[in-house]
Protein backbone atom coordinates (compact mmCIF):
# COMPACT_ATOMS: atom_id res chain seq x y z
CA UNK A 1 1.21 -12.86 -14.43
CA UNK A 2 0.54 -9.12 -16.63
CA UNK A 3 3.61 -7.47 -17.59
CA UNK A 4 3.86 -3.64 -17.44
CA UNK A 5 6.65 -1.96 -19.24
CA UNK A 6 7.48 1.30 -17.33
CA UNK A 7 8.80 4.11 -19.70
CA UNK A 8 12.62 4.86 -17.66
CA UNK A 9 12.64 1.27 -16.17
CA UNK A 10 12.52 -2.18 -17.01
CA UNK A 11 10.29 -4.35 -17.91
CA UNK A 12 8.84 -5.29 -14.74
CA UNK A 13 5.74 -8.51 -14.31
CA UNK A 14 4.08 -6.55 -11.89
CA UNK A 15 4.43 -3.40 -10.07
CA UNK A 16 4.53 -2.60 -6.11
CA UNK A 17 3.13 -0.13 -3.94
CA UNK A 18 3.77 0.87 -0.43
CA UNK A 19 1.36 2.65 1.97
CA UNK A 20 2.03 4.46 4.90
CA UNK A 21 -1.38 4.73 7.39
CA UNK A 22 -1.76 6.26 10.41
CA UNK A 23 -4.22 7.29 12.48
CA UNK A 24 -4.61 9.50 16.33
CA UNK A 25 -4.43 7.59 19.80
CA UNK A 26 -8.23 8.07 20.00
CA UNK A 27 -8.67 5.87 16.56
CA UNK A 28 -6.56 3.27 17.61
CA UNK A 29 -8.22 -0.69 17.45
CA UNK A 30 -6.58 -0.74 20.41
CA UNK A 31 -8.13 1.91 22.45
CA UNK A 32 -11.29 2.36 20.70
CA UNK A 33 -14.07 -0.27 20.92
CA UNK A 34 -16.20 0.89 17.89
CA UNK A 35 -12.89 0.95 15.71
CA UNK A 36 -11.79 -2.71 17.23
CA UNK A 37 -14.93 -3.97 15.93
CA UNK A 38 -15.12 -2.39 12.81
CA UNK A 39 -11.67 -3.42 11.98
CA UNK A 40 -12.11 -7.38 13.17
CA UNK A 41 -14.83 -7.60 10.78
CA UNK A 42 -13.78 -5.52 7.69
CA UNK A 43 -10.52 -7.56 8.40
CA UNK A 44 -12.25 -11.04 7.23
CA UNK A 45 -13.08 -9.79 4.07
CA UNK A 46 -9.78 -8.36 2.89
CA UNK A 47 -8.45 -11.81 1.16
CA UNK A 48 -11.55 -12.21 -0.67
CA UNK A 49 -11.40 -8.63 -1.83
CA UNK A 50 -7.97 -8.99 -2.63
CA UNK A 51 -8.54 -11.72 -4.61
CA UNK A 52 -11.30 -10.07 -6.80
CA UNK A 53 -9.20 -6.97 -7.42
CA UNK A 54 -6.03 -8.79 -7.89
CA UNK A 55 -3.73 -7.07 -5.53
CA UNK A 56 -1.60 -8.68 -3.35
CA UNK A 57 -0.69 -7.89 -0.41
CA UNK A 58 3.15 -8.79 0.41
CA UNK A 59 3.49 -6.71 3.62
CA UNK A 60 1.64 -5.39 6.12
CA UNK A 61 3.57 -4.07 9.32
CA UNK A 62 2.37 -2.38 12.60
CA UNK A 63 5.53 0.66 12.71
CA UNK A 64 5.86 0.25 16.90
CA UNK A 65 5.62 2.43 18.83
CA UNK A 66 3.48 4.65 16.92
CA UNK A 67 0.12 4.67 15.70
CA UNK A 68 1.47 3.92 12.16
CA UNK A 69 1.47 0.79 9.92
CA UNK A 70 3.31 -0.04 6.37
CA UNK A 71 1.84 -1.66 3.49
CA UNK A 72 3.14 -3.25 0.44
CA UNK A 73 1.25 -4.30 -2.54
CA UNK A 74 1.46 -5.83 -5.82
CA UNK A 75 -0.76 -4.88 -8.23
CA UNK A 76 -1.32 -4.78 -11.83
CA UNK A 77 -2.67 -0.67 -11.38
CA UNK A 78 -2.54 2.03 -8.51
CA UNK A 79 -6.27 2.46 -8.90
CA UNK A 80 -6.61 -1.61 -7.61
CA UNK A 81 -5.03 -0.56 -4.62
CA UNK A 82 -6.85 2.46 -3.93
CA UNK A 83 -9.77 0.15 -4.34
CA UNK A 84 -9.04 -2.22 -1.80
CA UNK A 85 -8.16 0.81 0.34
CA UNK A 86 -11.16 2.47 0.31
CA UNK A 87 -13.69 -1.04 -0.44
CA UNK A 88 -11.79 -3.18 2.93
CA UNK A 89 -12.73 0.16 4.50
CA UNK A 90 -9.15 1.23 5.17
CA UNK A 91 -10.36 5.09 5.01
CA UNK A 92 -12.77 5.54 7.58
CA UNK A 93 -9.89 5.33 10.35
CA UNK A 94 -6.34 6.00 9.04
CA UNK A 95 -4.45 8.71 7.02
CA UNK A 96 -2.68 7.31 4.16
CA UNK A 97 0.74 8.29 2.22
CA UNK A 98 0.19 6.11 -1.18
CA UNK A 99 3.66 5.47 -3.15
CA UNK A 100 5.16 4.02 -6.36
CA UNK A 101 8.12 1.54 -5.09
CA UNK A 102 10.90 1.53 -7.59
CA UNK A 103 13.99 -0.75 -6.41
CA UNK A 104 16.91 1.44 -5.59
CA UNK A 105 19.21 -0.76 -7.83
CA UNK A 106 16.87 -0.11 -10.78
CA UNK A 107 16.69 3.63 -9.99
CA UNK A 108 20.56 4.16 -9.82
CA UNK A 109 20.63 2.49 -13.07
CA UNK A 110 18.92 5.22 -14.71
CA UNK A 111 20.60 8.19 -12.50
CA UNK A 112 22.01 9.72 -15.37
CA UNK A 113 19.26 9.79 -17.17
CA UNK A 114 17.85 12.37 -15.03
CA UNK A 115 18.64 16.21 -14.81
CA UNK A 116 20.73 17.21 -12.18
CA UNK A 117 19.64 21.18 -10.28
CA UNK A 118 23.42 21.42 -7.92
């Protein structure tokens, strides 16, 4: 496993990235035939694509009952996750919020290193 040195945080084995996806009801694979066919076809390619890009999908959850999903990735870079999402077709039918992930316990260890404004 590659080791990545964070500027403030401890050395970690592999960075994690979270993605929150959403789409309007009319662009849902459960209600839109074209989107369903695209999703079913694309999803068959995701495992090989993840391996090729060095991306590990740790979690992929639908956030019921909304038209939202949560994905947690492990990868050597944000660019690898971005490439997985783009090449995997996710960007064709969902809006995404992309986040770097830090365990709360690790963040709290360094709380005193951040200036306060209040």
